[in-house]
């Protein structure tokens, strides 16, 4: 997948009926932080997960979201200029997926 651009929206493959796992590695310039705004999440509770990690290998879990989020929620790295976003659907149901937007924090 192409690298997402700051201020751009990210969707999983097949959105809004996404049953395909995917990962996005969000990297910004050195000495910057990554902020991720979850605009929408529609996931089967405790079966579909949107995992947000600080760093390239997911050693610092920022959030493990499931269920529905219909109002904007933001997550920001604390030390790293890298964030990993993992979509882990169960493969059943319809109308599932997410829409997020990334920002660079100075």
PDB file of N, CA and C in Angstrom:
ATOM      1  N   UNK A   1       0.839  -1.179   0.000  1.00  0.00           N
ATOM      2  CA  UNK A   1       0.000   0.000   0.000  1.00  0.00           C
ATOM      3  C   UNK A   1       0.881   1.237   0.000  1.00  0.00           C
ATOM      4  N   UNK A   2       0.399   2.292  -0.636  1.00  0.00           N
ATOM      5  CA  UNK A   2       1.144   3.546  -0.652  1.00  0.00           C
ATOM      6  C   UNK A   2       1.207   4.128   0.749  1.00  0.00           C
ATOM      7  N   UNK A   3       2.308   4.823   1.021  1.00  0.00           N
ATOM      8  CA  UNK A   3       2.449   5.475   2.322  1.00  0.00           C
ATOM      9  C   UNK A   3       1.433   6.591   2.441  1.00  0.00           C
ATOM     10  N   UNK A   4       0.686   6.638   3.537  1.00  0.00           N
ATOM     11  CA  UNK A   4      -0.293   7.705   3.726  1.00  0.00           C
ATOM     12  C   UNK A   4       0.395   9.053   3.895  1.00  0.00           C
ATOM     13  N   UNK A   5      -0.272  10.105   3.488  1.00  0.00           N
ATOM     14  CA  UNK A   5       0.243  11.467   3.602  1.00  0.00           C
ATOM     15  C   UNK A   5      -0.416  12.159   4.797  1.00  0.00           C
ATOM     16  N   UNK A   6       0.332  13.033   5.452  1.00  0.00           N
ATOM     17  CA  UNK A   6      -0.216  13.786   6.580  1.00  0.00           C
ATOM     18  C   UNK A   6      -1.449  14.550   6.138  1.00  0.00           C
ATOM     19  N   UNK A   7      -2.485  14.505   6.957  1.00  0.00           N
ATOM     20  CA  UNK A   7      -3.748  15.160   6.646  1.00  0.00           C
ATOM     21  C   UNK A   7      -4.655  14.316   5.777  1.00  0.00           C
ATOM     22  N   UNK A   8      -4.147  13.200   5.299  1.00  0.00           N
ATOM     23  CA  UNK A   8      -4.936  12.320   4.440  1.00  0.00           C
ATOM     24  C   UNK A   8      -5.690  11.269   5.231  1.00  0.00           C
ATOM     25  N   UNK A   9      -6.763  10.772   4.641  1.00  0.00           N
ATOM     26  CA  UNK A   9      -7.563   9.727   5.276  1.00  0.00           C
ATOM     27  C   UNK A   9      -7.047   8.357   4.870  1.00  0.00           C
ATOM     28  N   UNK A  10      -7.178   7.414   5.779  1.00  0.00           N
ATOM     29  CA  UNK A  10      -6.770   6.031   5.550  1.00  0.00           C
ATOM     30  C   UNK A  10      -7.986   5.142   5.782  1.00  0.00           C
ATOM     31  N   UNK A  11      -8.184   4.183   4.875  1.00  0.00           N
ATOM     32  CA  UNK A  11      -9.272   3.213   4.961  1.00  0.00           C
ATOM     33  C   UNK A  11      -8.668   1.824   4.760  1.00  0.00           C
ATOM     34  N   UNK A  12      -9.277   0.790   5.308  1.00  0.00           N
ATOM     35  CA  UNK A  12      -8.808  -0.562   4.996  1.00  0.00           C
ATOM     36  C   UNK A  12      -9.311  -0.986   3.619  1.00  0.00           C
ATOM     37  N   UNK A  13      -8.688  -1.989   3.008  1.00  0.00           N
ATOM     38  CA  UNK A  13      -9.169  -2.492   1.714  1.00  0.00           C
ATOM     39  C   UNK A  13     -10.626  -2.943   1.812  1.00  0.00           C
ATOM     40  N   UNK A  14     -11.440  -2.575   0.833  1.00  0.00           N
ATOM     41  CA  UNK A  14     -12.842  -2.992   0.807  1.00  0.00           C
ATOM     42  C   UNK A  14     -13.778  -2.156   1.654  1.00  0.00           C
ATOM     43  N   UNK A  15     -13.259  -1.106   2.285  1.00  0.00           N
ATOM     44  CA  UNK A  15     -14.104  -0.265   3.136  1.00  0.00           C
ATOM     45  C   UNK A  15     -15.309   0.213   2.344  1.00  0.00           C
ATOM     46  N   UNK A  16     -16.525   0.147   2.863  1.00  0.00           N
ATOM     47  CA  UNK A  16     -16.899  -0.030   4.260  1.00  0.00           C
ATOM     48  C   UNK A  16     -17.219  -1.471   4.660  1.00  0.00           C
ATOM     49  N   UNK A  17     -16.947  -2.432   3.825  1.00  0.00           N
ATOM     50  CA  UNK A  17     -17.162  -3.843   4.191  1.00  0.00           C
ATOM     51  C   UNK A  17     -15.824  -4.562   4.194  1.00  0.00           C
ATOM     52  N   UNK A  18     -14.949  -4.175   5.098  1.00  0.00           N
ATOM     53  CA  UNK A  18     -13.583  -4.679   5.097  1.00  0.00           C
ATOM     54  C   UNK A  18     -13.437  -5.920   5.963  1.00  0.00           C
ATOM     55  N   UNK A  19     -13.124  -7.034   5.314  1.00  0.00           N
ATOM     56  CA  UNK A  19     -12.847  -8.258   6.058  1.00  0.00           C
ATOM     57  C   UNK A  19     -11.417  -8.724   5.797  1.00  0.00           C
ATOM     58  N   UNK A  20     -10.556  -7.802   5.338  1.00  0.00           N
ATOM     59  CA  UNK A  20      -9.168  -8.106   5.042  1.00  0.00           C
ATOM     60  C   UNK A  20      -8.255  -7.419   6.049  1.00  0.00           C
ATOM     61  N   UNK A  21      -7.416  -8.189   6.723  1.00  0.00           N
ATOM     62  CA  UNK A  21      -6.441  -7.617   7.651  1.00  0.00           C
ATOM     63  C   UNK A  21      -5.453  -6.750   6.889  1.00  0.00           C
ATOM     64  N   UNK A  22      -5.007  -5.681   7.523  1.00  0.00           N
ATOM     65  CA  UNK A  22      -3.993  -4.825   6.901  1.00  0.00           C
ATOM     66  C   UNK A  22      -3.248  -4.070   7.993  1.00  0.00           C
ATOM     67  N   UNK A  23      -2.072  -3.565   7.620  1.00  0.00           N
ATOM     68  CA  UNK A  23      -1.249  -2.756   8.519  1.00  0.00           C
ATOM     69  C   UNK A  23      -0.765  -1.531   7.773  1.00  0.00           C
ATOM     70  N   UNK A  24      -0.678  -0.433   8.480  1.00  0.00           N
ATOM     71  CA  UNK A  24      -0.123   0.799   7.938  1.00  0.00           C
ATOM     72  C   UNK A  24       1.002   1.236   8.861  1.00  0.00           C
ATOM     73  N   UNK A  25       2.158   1.550   8.302  1.00  0.00           N
ATOM     74  CA  UNK A  25       3.275   2.091   9.051  1.00  0.00           C
ATOM     75  C   UNK A  25       3.337   3.583   8.739  1.00  0.00           C
ATOM     76  N   UNK A  26       3.077   4.397   9.736  1.00  0.00           N
ATOM     77  CA  UNK A  26       3.037   5.849   9.570  1.00  0.00           C
ATOM     78  C   UNK A  26       4.340   6.431  10.101  1.00  0.00           C
ATOM     79  N   UNK A  27       5.110   7.046   9.224  1.00  0.00           N
ATOM     80  CA  UNK A  27       6.419   7.582   9.592  1.00  0.00           C
ATOM     81  C   UNK A  27       6.458   9.067   9.228  1.00  0.00           C
ATOM     82  N   UNK A  28       6.831   9.887  10.199  1.00  0.00           N
ATOM     83  CA  UNK A  28       6.990  11.317   9.963  1.00  0.00           C
ATOM     84  C   UNK A  28       8.457  11.675  10.192  1.00  0.00           C
ATOM     85  N   UNK A  29       8.821  12.928   9.957  1.00  0.00           N
ATOM     86  CA  UNK A  29      10.206  13.361  10.084  1.00  0.00           C
ATOM     87  C   UNK A  29      10.768  13.161  11.481  1.00  0.00           C
ATOM     88  N   UNK A  30      12.100  13.102  11.537  1.00  0.00           N
ATOM     89  CA  UNK A  30      12.787  12.965  12.824  1.00  0.00           C
ATOM     90  C   UNK A  30      12.380  14.112  13.748  1.00  0.00           C
ATOM     91  N   UNK A  31      12.325  13.816  15.028  1.00  0.00           N
ATOM     92  CA  UNK A  31      11.967  14.787  16.073  1.00  0.00           C
ATOM     93  C   UNK A  31      10.527  15.283  15.970  1.00  0.00           C
ATOM     94  N   UNK A  32       9.678  14.547  15.266  1.00  0.00           N
ATOM     95  CA  UNK A  32       8.248  14.849  15.168  1.00  0.00           C
ATOM     96  C   UNK A  32       7.477  13.693  15.808  1.00  0.00           C
ATOM     97  N   UNK A  33       6.210  13.925  16.083  1.00  0.00           N
ATOM     98  CA  UNK A  33       5.330  12.881  16.612  1.00  0.00           C
ATOM     99  C   UNK A  33       4.201  12.641  15.627  1.00  0.00           C
ATOM    100  N   UNK A  34       3.584  11.482  15.725  1.00  0.00           N
ATOM    101  CA  UNK A  34       2.451  11.122  14.874  1.00  0.00           C
ATOM    102  C   UNK A  34       1.172  11.227  15.697  1.00  0.00           C
ATOM    103  N   UNK A  35       0.179  11.903  15.138  1.00  0.00           N
ATOM    104  CA  UNK A  35      -1.144  11.936  15.755  1.00  0.00           C
ATOM    105  C   UNK A  35      -2.120  11.275  14.793  1.00  0.00           C
ATOM    106  N   UNK A  36      -2.929  10.373  15.321  1.00  0.00           N
ATOM    107  CA  UNK A  36      -3.917   9.647  14.530  1.00  0.00           C
ATOM    108  C   UNK A  36      -5.299   9.998  15.052  1.00  0.00           C
ATOM    109  N   UNK A  37      -6.145  10.483  14.167  1.00  0.00           N
ATOM    110  CA  UNK A  37      -7.527  10.785  14.522  1.00  0.00           C
ATOM    111  C   UNK A  37      -8.415   9.663  13.992  1.00  0.00           C
ATOM    112  N   UNK A  38      -9.065   8.946  14.885  1.00  0.00           N
ATOM    113  CA  UNK A  38     -10.032   7.928  14.479  1.00  0.00           C
ATOM    114  C   UNK A  38     -11.352   8.658  14.267  1.00  0.00           C
ATOM    115  N   UNK A  39     -11.753   8.755  13.008  1.00  0.00           N
ATOM    116  CA  UNK A  39     -12.972   9.479  12.655  1.00  0.00           C
ATOM    117  C   UNK A  39     -14.177   8.553  12.786  1.00  0.00           C
ATOM    118  N   UNK A  40     -14.028   7.331  12.294  1.00  0.00           N
ATOM    119  CA  UNK A  40     -15.099   6.336  12.363  1.00  0.00           C
ATOM    120  C   UNK A  40     -14.486   4.954  12.550  1.00  0.00           C
ATOM    121  N   UNK A  41     -15.077   4.176  13.426  1.00  0.00           N
ATOM    122  CA  UNK A  41     -14.741   2.760  13.556  1.00  0.00           C
ATOM    123  C   UNK A  41     -16.054   2.011  13.703  1.00  0.00           C
ATOM    124  N   UNK A  42     -16.271   1.051  12.827  1.00  0.00           N
ATOM    125  CA  UNK A  42     -17.419   0.154  12.935  1.00  0.00           C
ATOM    126  C   UNK A  42     -16.848  -1.254  12.925  1.00  0.00           C
ATOM    127  N   UNK A  43     -16.874  -1.876  14.082  1.00  0.00           N
ATOM    128  CA  UNK A  43     -16.269  -3.191  14.255  1.00  0.00           C
ATOM    129  C   UNK A  43     -17.181  -4.065  15.103  1.00  0.00           C
ATOM    130  N   UNK A  44     -17.173  -5.344  14.799  1.00  0.00           N
ATOM    131  CA  UNK A  44     -17.944  -6.281  15.596  1.00  0.00           C
ATOM    132  C   UNK A  44     -17.276  -6.386  16.963  1.00  0.00           C
ATOM    133  N   UNK A  45     -18.012  -6.042  18.017  1.00  0.00           N
ATOM    134  CA  UNK A  45     -17.457  -5.963  19.362  1.00  0.00           C
ATOM    135  C   UNK A  45     -16.761  -7.252  19.770  1.00  0.00           C
ATOM    136  N   UNK A  46     -15.513  -7.119  20.206  1.00  0.00           N
ATOM    137  CA  UNK A  46     -14.664  -8.226  20.670  1.00  0.00           C
ATOM    138  C   UNK A  46     -14.326  -9.252  19.590  1.00  0.00           C
ATOM    139  N   UNK A  47     -14.576  -8.924  18.313  1.00  0.00           N
ATOM    140  CA  UNK A  47     -14.184  -9.803  17.205  1.00  0.00           C
ATOM    141  C   UNK A  47     -13.303  -9.076  16.192  1.00  0.00           C
ATOM    142  N   UNK A  48     -13.590  -7.801  15.936  1.00  0.00           N
ATOM    143  CA  UNK A  48     -12.795  -6.973  15.029  1.00  0.00           C
ATOM    144  C   UNK A  48     -12.041  -5.952  15.874  1.00  0.00           C
ATOM    145  N   UNK A  49     -10.762  -5.731  15.526  1.00  0.00           N
ATOM    146  CA  UNK A  49      -9.943  -4.822  16.330  1.00  0.00           C
ATOM    147  C   UNK A  49      -9.140  -3.877  15.457  1.00  0.00           C
ATOM    148  N   UNK A  50      -9.036  -2.634  15.907  1.00  0.00           N
ATOM    149  CA  UNK A  50      -8.132  -1.654  15.328  1.00  0.00           C
ATOM    150  C   UNK A  50      -7.068  -1.389  16.385  1.00  0.00           C
ATOM    151  N   UNK A  51      -5.859  -1.850  16.105  1.00  0.00           N
ATOM    152  CA  UNK A  51      -4.744  -1.751  17.052  1.00  0.00           C
ATOM    153  C   UNK A  51      -3.841  -0.598  16.630  1.00  0.00           C
ATOM    154  N   UNK A  52      -3.488   0.255  17.584  1.00  0.00           N
ATOM    155  CA  UNK A  52      -2.640   1.412  17.328  1.00  0.00           C
ATOM    156  C   UNK A  52      -1.427   1.308  18.246  1.00  0.00           C
ATOM    157  N   UNK A  53      -0.237   1.237  17.626  1.00  0.00           N
ATOM    158  CA  UNK A  53       1.010   1.050  18.371  1.00  0.00           C
ATOM    159  C   UNK A  53       1.983   2.185  18.090  1.00  0.00           C
ATOM    160  N   UNK A  54       2.745   2.557  19.111  1.00  0.00           N
ATOM    161  CA  UNK A  54       3.855   3.480  18.905  1.00  0.00           C
ATOM    162  C   UNK A  54       5.087   2.676  18.525  1.00  0.00           C
ATOM    163  N   UNK A  55       5.780   3.131  17.489  1.00  0.00           N
ATOM    164  CA  UNK A  55       6.991   2.446  17.040  1.00  0.00           C
ATOM    165  C   UNK A  55       6.712   1.475  15.910  1.00  0.00           C
ATOM    166  N   UNK A  56       7.772   1.039  15.220  1.00  0.00           N
ATOM    167  CA  UNK A  56       7.610   0.206  14.028  1.00  0.00           C
ATOM    168  C   UNK A  56       7.219  -1.245  14.295  1.00  0.00           C
ATOM    169  N   UNK A  57       7.482  -1.749  15.490  1.00  0.00           N
ATOM    170  CA  UNK A  57       7.193  -3.159  15.761  1.00  0.00           C
ATOM    171  C   UNK A  57       6.102  -3.365  16.798  1.00  0.00           C
ATOM    172  N   UNK A  58       5.454  -2.311  17.215  1.00  0.00           N
ATOM    173  CA  UNK A  58       4.319  -2.444  18.116  1.00  0.00           C
ATOM    174  C   UNK A  58       4.674  -2.790  19.544  1.00  0.00           C
ATOM    175  N   UNK A  59       5.761  -2.221  20.064  1.00  0.00           N
ATOM    176  CA  UNK A  59       6.160  -2.522  21.434  1.00  0.00           C
ATOM    177  C   UNK A  59       5.423  -1.678  22.470  1.00  0.00           C
ATOM    178  N   UNK A  60       4.760  -0.609  22.018  1.00  0.00           N
ATOM    179  CA  UNK A  60       4.020   0.256  22.941  1.00  0.00           C
ATOM    180  C   UNK A  60       2.599   0.433  22.417  1.00  0.00           C
ATOM    181  N   UNK A  61       1.672  -0.329  22.962  1.00  0.00           N
ATOM    182  CA  UNK A  61       0.270  -0.285  22.540  1.00  0.00           C
ATOM    183  C   UNK A  61      -0.374   1.008  23.034  1.00  0.00           C
ATOM    184  N   UNK A  62      -0.876   1.809  22.089  1.00  0.00           N
ATOM    185  CA  UNK A  62      -1.592   3.034  22.442  1.00  0.00           C
ATOM    186  C   UNK A  62      -3.085   2.769  22.605  1.00  0.00           C
ATOM    187  N   UNK A  63      -3.627   1.868  21.766  1.00  0.00           N
ATOM    188  CA  UNK A  63      -5.059   1.550  21.845  1.00  0.00           C
ATOM    189  C   UNK A  63      -5.333   0.246  21.116  1.00  0.00           C
ATOM    190  N   UNK A  64      -6.309  -0.499  21.612  1.00  0.00           N
ATOM    191  CA  UNK A  64      -6.822  -1.691  20.946  1.00  0.00           C
ATOM    192  C   UNK A  64      -8.342  -1.532  20.946  1.00  0.00           C
ATOM    193  N   UNK A  65      -8.860  -1.006  19.830  1.00  0.00           N
ATOM    194  CA  UNK A  65     -10.253  -0.581  19.758  1.00  0.00           C
ATOM    195  C   UNK A  65     -11.136  -1.651  19.132  1.00  0.00           C
ATOM    196  N   UNK A  66     -12.346  -1.758  19.639  1.00  0.00           N
ATOM    197  CA  UNK A  66     -13.350  -2.656  19.082  1.00  0.00           C
ATOM    198  C   UNK A  66     -14.718  -2.019  19.300  1.00  0.00           C
ATOM    199  N   UNK A  67     -15.720  -2.491  18.588  1.00  0.00           N
ATOM    200  CA  UNK A  67     -17.042  -1.872  18.705  1.00  0.00           C
ATOM    201  C   UNK A  67     -17.147  -0.677  17.781  1.00  0.00           C
ATOM    202  N   UNK A  68     -17.931   0.312  18.171  1.00  0.00           N
ATOM    203  CA  UNK A  68     -18.158   1.476  17.309  1.00  0.00           C
ATOM    204  C   UNK A  68     -17.634   2.749  17.941  1.00  0.00           C
ATOM    205  N   UNK A  69     -16.985   3.562  17.108  1.00  0.00           N
ATOM    206  CA  UNK A  69     -16.586   4.915  17.480  1.00  0.00           C
ATOM    207  C   UNK A  69     -17.131   5.806  16.378  1.00  0.00           C
ATOM    208  N   UNK A  70     -18.048   6.673  16.722  1.00  0.00           N
ATOM    209  CA  UNK A  70     -18.683   7.535  15.737  1.00  0.00           C
ATOM    210  C   UNK A  70     -18.355   9.005  15.934  1.00  0.00           C
ATOM    211  N   UNK A  71     -17.568   9.316  16.971  1.00  0.00           N
ATOM    212  CA  UNK A  71     -17.097  10.682  17.169  1.00  0.00           C
ATOM    213  C   UNK A  71     -15.571  10.638  17.244  1.00  0.00           C
ATOM    214  N   UNK A  72     -14.956  11.684  16.783  1.00  0.00           N
ATOM    215  CA  UNK A  72     -13.507  11.748  16.645  1.00  0.00           C
ATOM    216  C   UNK A  72     -12.777  11.471  17.961  1.00  0.00           C
ATOM    217  N   UNK A  73     -11.750  10.609  17.871  1.00  0.00           N
ATOM    218  CA  UNK A  73     -10.893  10.279  19.003  1.00  0.00           C
ATOM    219  C   UNK A  73      -9.456  10.314  18.505  1.00  0.00           C
ATOM    220  N   UNK A  74      -8.545  10.952  19.260  1.00  0.00           N
ATOM    221  CA  UNK A  74      -7.162  11.103  18.810  1.00  0.00           C
ATOM    222  C   UNK A  74      -6.181  10.338  19.701  1.00  0.00           C
ATOM    223  N   UNK A  75      -5.124   9.831  19.045  1.00  0.00           N
ATOM    224  CA  UNK A  75      -4.032   9.132  19.713  1.00  0.00           C
ATOM    225  C   UNK A  75      -2.728   9.701  19.170  1.00  0.00           C
ATOM    226  N   UNK A  76      -1.758   9.950  20.070  1.00  0.00           N
ATOM    227  CA  UNK A  76      -0.495  10.561  19.668  1.00  0.00           C
ATOM    228  C   UNK A  76       0.668   9.763  20.243  1.00  0.00           C
ATOM    229  N   UNK A  77       1.713   9.580  19.420  1.00  0.00           N
ATOM    230  CA  UNK A  77       2.907   8.937  19.938  1.00  0.00           C
ATOM    231  C   UNK A  77       3.527   9.852  20.997  1.00  0.00           C
ATOM    232  N   UNK A  78       4.290   9.252  21.905  1.00  0.00           N
ATOM    233  CA  UNK A  78       4.894  10.018  22.996  1.00  0.00           C
ATOM    234  C   UNK A  78       6.358  10.322  22.708  1.00  0.00           C
ATOM    235  N   UNK A  79       7.074   9.348  22.134  1.00  0.00           N
ATOM    236  CA  UNK A  79       8.508   9.502  21.891  1.00  0.00           C
ATOM    237  C   UNK A  79       8.908   9.247  20.449  1.00  0.00           C
ATOM    238  N   UNK A  80       8.127   8.493  19.722  1.00  0.00           N
ATOM    239  CA  UNK A  80       8.539   8.002  18.407  1.00  0.00           C
ATOM    240  C   UNK A  80       7.908   8.786  17.262  1.00  0.00           C
ATOM    241  N   UNK A  81       8.610   8.819  16.130  1.00  0.00           N
ATOM    242  CA  UNK A  81       8.066   9.412  14.911  1.00  0.00           C
ATOM    243  C   UNK A  81       7.417   8.344  14.034  1.00  0.00           C
ATOM    244  N   UNK A  82       7.156   7.184  14.629  1.00  0.00           N
ATOM    245  CA  UNK A  82       6.574   6.053  13.902  1.00  0.00           C
ATOM    246  C   UNK A  82       5.358   5.525  14.668  1.00  0.00           C
ATOM    247  N   UNK A  83       4.287   5.243  13.914  1.00  0.00           N
ATOM    248  CA  UNK A  83       3.090   4.622  14.482  1.00  0.00           C
ATOM    249  C   UNK A  83       2.664   3.502  13.538  1.00  0.00           C
ATOM    250  N   UNK A  84       2.238   2.383  14.118  1.00  0.00           N
ATOM    251  CA  UNK A  84       1.717   1.264  13.329  1.00  0.00           C
ATOM    252  C   UNK A  84       0.231   1.124  13.623  1.00  0.00           C
ATOM    253  N   UNK A  85      -0.568   0.989  12.554  1.00  0.00           N
ATOM    254  CA  UNK A  85      -2.013   0.797  12.674  1.00  0.00           C
ATOM    255  C   UNK A  85      -2.337  -0.561  12.054  1.00  0.00           C
ATOM    256  N   UNK A  86      -2.958  -1.441  12.834  1.00  0.00           N
ATOM    257  CA  UNK A  86      -3.304  -2.789  12.379  1.00  0.00           C
ATOM    258  C   UNK A  86      -4.809  -2.986  12.434  1.00  0.00           C
ATOM    259  N   UNK A  87      -5.397  -3.412  11.321  1.00  0.00           N
ATOM    260  CA  UNK A  87      -6.820  -3.751  11.261  1.00  0.00           C
ATOM    261  C   UNK A  87      -6.913  -5.267  11.287  1.00  0.00           C
ATOM    262  N   UNK A  88      -7.621  -5.794  12.300  1.00  0.00           N
ATOM    263  CA  UNK A  88      -7.731  -7.237  12.499  1.00  0.00           C
ATOM    264  C   UNK A  88      -9.206  -7.634  12.573  1.00  0.00           C
ATOM    265  N   UNK A  89      -9.846  -7.810  11.403  1.00  0.00           N
ATOM    266  CA  UNK A  89     -11.256  -8.195  11.396  1.00  0.00           C
ATOM    267  C   UNK A  89     -11.419  -9.700  11.578  1.00  0.00           C
ATOM    268  N   UNK A  90     -12.602 -10.094  12.025  1.00  0.00           N
ATOM    269  CA  UNK A  90     -12.884 -11.520  12.229  1.00  0.00           C
ATOM    270  C   UNK A  90     -13.212 -12.222  10.921  1.00  0.00           C
ATOM    271  N   UNK A  91     -13.580 -11.449   9.899  1.00  0.00           N
ATOM    272  CA  UNK A  91     -13.921 -12.040   8.612  1.00  0.00           C
ATOM    273  C   UNK A  91     -15.391 -12.344   8.445  1.00  0.00           C
ATOM    274  N   UNK A  92     -16.228 -11.890   9.388  1.00  0.00           N
ATOM    275  CA  UNK A  92     -17.673 -12.100   9.281  1.00  0.00           C
ATOM    276  C   UNK A  92     -18.395 -10.765   9.423  1.00  0.00           C
ATOM    277  N   UNK A  93     -19.639 -10.732   9.009  1.00  0.00           N
ATOM    278  CA  UNK A  93     -20.439  -9.515   9.154  1.00  0.00           C
ATOM    279  C   UNK A  93     -20.234  -8.570   7.989  1.00  0.00           C
ATOM    280  N   UNK A  94     -20.938  -7.436   8.040  1.00  0.00           N
ATOM    281  CA  UNK A  94     -20.816  -6.450   6.977  1.00  0.00           C
ATOM    282  C   UNK A  94     -20.820  -5.057   7.581  1.00  0.00           C
ATOM    283  N   UNK A  95     -20.453  -4.075   6.773  1.00  0.00           N
ATOM    284  CA  UNK A  95     -20.445  -2.694   7.235  1.00  0.00           C
ATOM    285  C   UNK A  95     -19.347  -2.422   8.232  1.00  0.00           C
ATOM    286  N   UNK A  96     -18.207  -3.115   8.076  1.00  0.00           N
ATOM    287  CA  UNK A  96     -17.122  -2.961   9.046  1.00  0.00           C
ATOM    288  C   UNK A  96     -15.953  -2.217   8.422  1.00  0.00           C
ATOM    289  N   UNK A  97     -15.206  -1.529   9.281  1.00  0.00           N
ATOM    290  CA  UNK A  97     -14.003  -0.851   8.851  1.00  0.00           C
ATOM    291  C   UNK A  97     -13.757   0.404   9.656  1.00  0.00           C
ATOM    292  N   UNK A  98     -12.837   1.219   9.162  1.00  0.00           N
ATOM    293  CA  UNK A  98     -12.472   2.434   9.879  1.00  0.00           C
ATOM    294  C   UNK A  98     -12.079   3.519   8.889  1.00  0.00           C
ATOM    295  N   UNK A  99     -12.096   4.730   9.380  1.00  0.00           N
ATOM    296  CA  UNK A  99     -11.574   5.885   8.654  1.00  0.00           C
ATOM    297  C   UNK A  99     -10.759   6.679   9.651  1.00  0.00           C
ATOM    298  N   UNK A 100      -9.476   6.864   9.352  1.00  0.00           N
ATOM    299  CA  UNK A 100      -8.594   7.623  10.233  1.00  0.00           C
ATOM    300  C   UNK A 100      -7.856   8.681   9.418  1.00  0.00           C
ATOM    301  N   UNK A 101      -7.323   9.656  10.115  1.00  0.00           N
ATOM    302  CA  UNK A 101      -6.541  10.735   9.485  1.00  0.00           C
ATOM    303  C   UNK A 101      -5.274  10.925  10.300  1.00  0.00           C
ATOM    304  N   UNK A 102      -4.152  11.156   9.610  1.00  0.00           N
ATOM    305  CA  UNK A 102      -2.898  11.330  10.329  1.00  0.00           C
ATOM    306  C   UNK A 102      -2.434  12.784  10.276  1.00  0.00           C
ATOM    307  N   UNK A 103      -1.712  13.177  11.335  1.00  0.00           N
ATOM    308  CA  UNK A 103      -1.168  14.523  11.454  1.00  0.00           C
ATOM    309  C   UNK A 103       0.262  14.436  11.962  1.00  0.00           C
ATOM    310  N   UNK A 104       1.032  15.458  11.663  1.00  0.00           N
ATOM    311  CA  UNK A 104       2.401  15.586  12.160  1.00  0.00           C
ATOM    312  C   UNK A 104       2.394  16.606  13.292  1.00  0.00           C
ATOM    313  N   UNK A 105       2.964  16.223  14.436  1.00  0.00           N
ATOM    314  CA  UNK A 105       3.038  17.117  15.589  1.00  0.00           C
ATOM    315  C   UNK A 105       4.504  17.547  15.752  1.00  0.00           C
ATOM    316  N   UNK A 106       4.724  18.856  15.822  1.00  0.00           N
ATOM    317  CA  UNK A 106       6.088  19.382  15.972  1.00  0.00           C
ATOM    318  C   UNK A 106       6.545  19.324  17.402  1.00  0.00           C
TER     319      UNK A 106
END
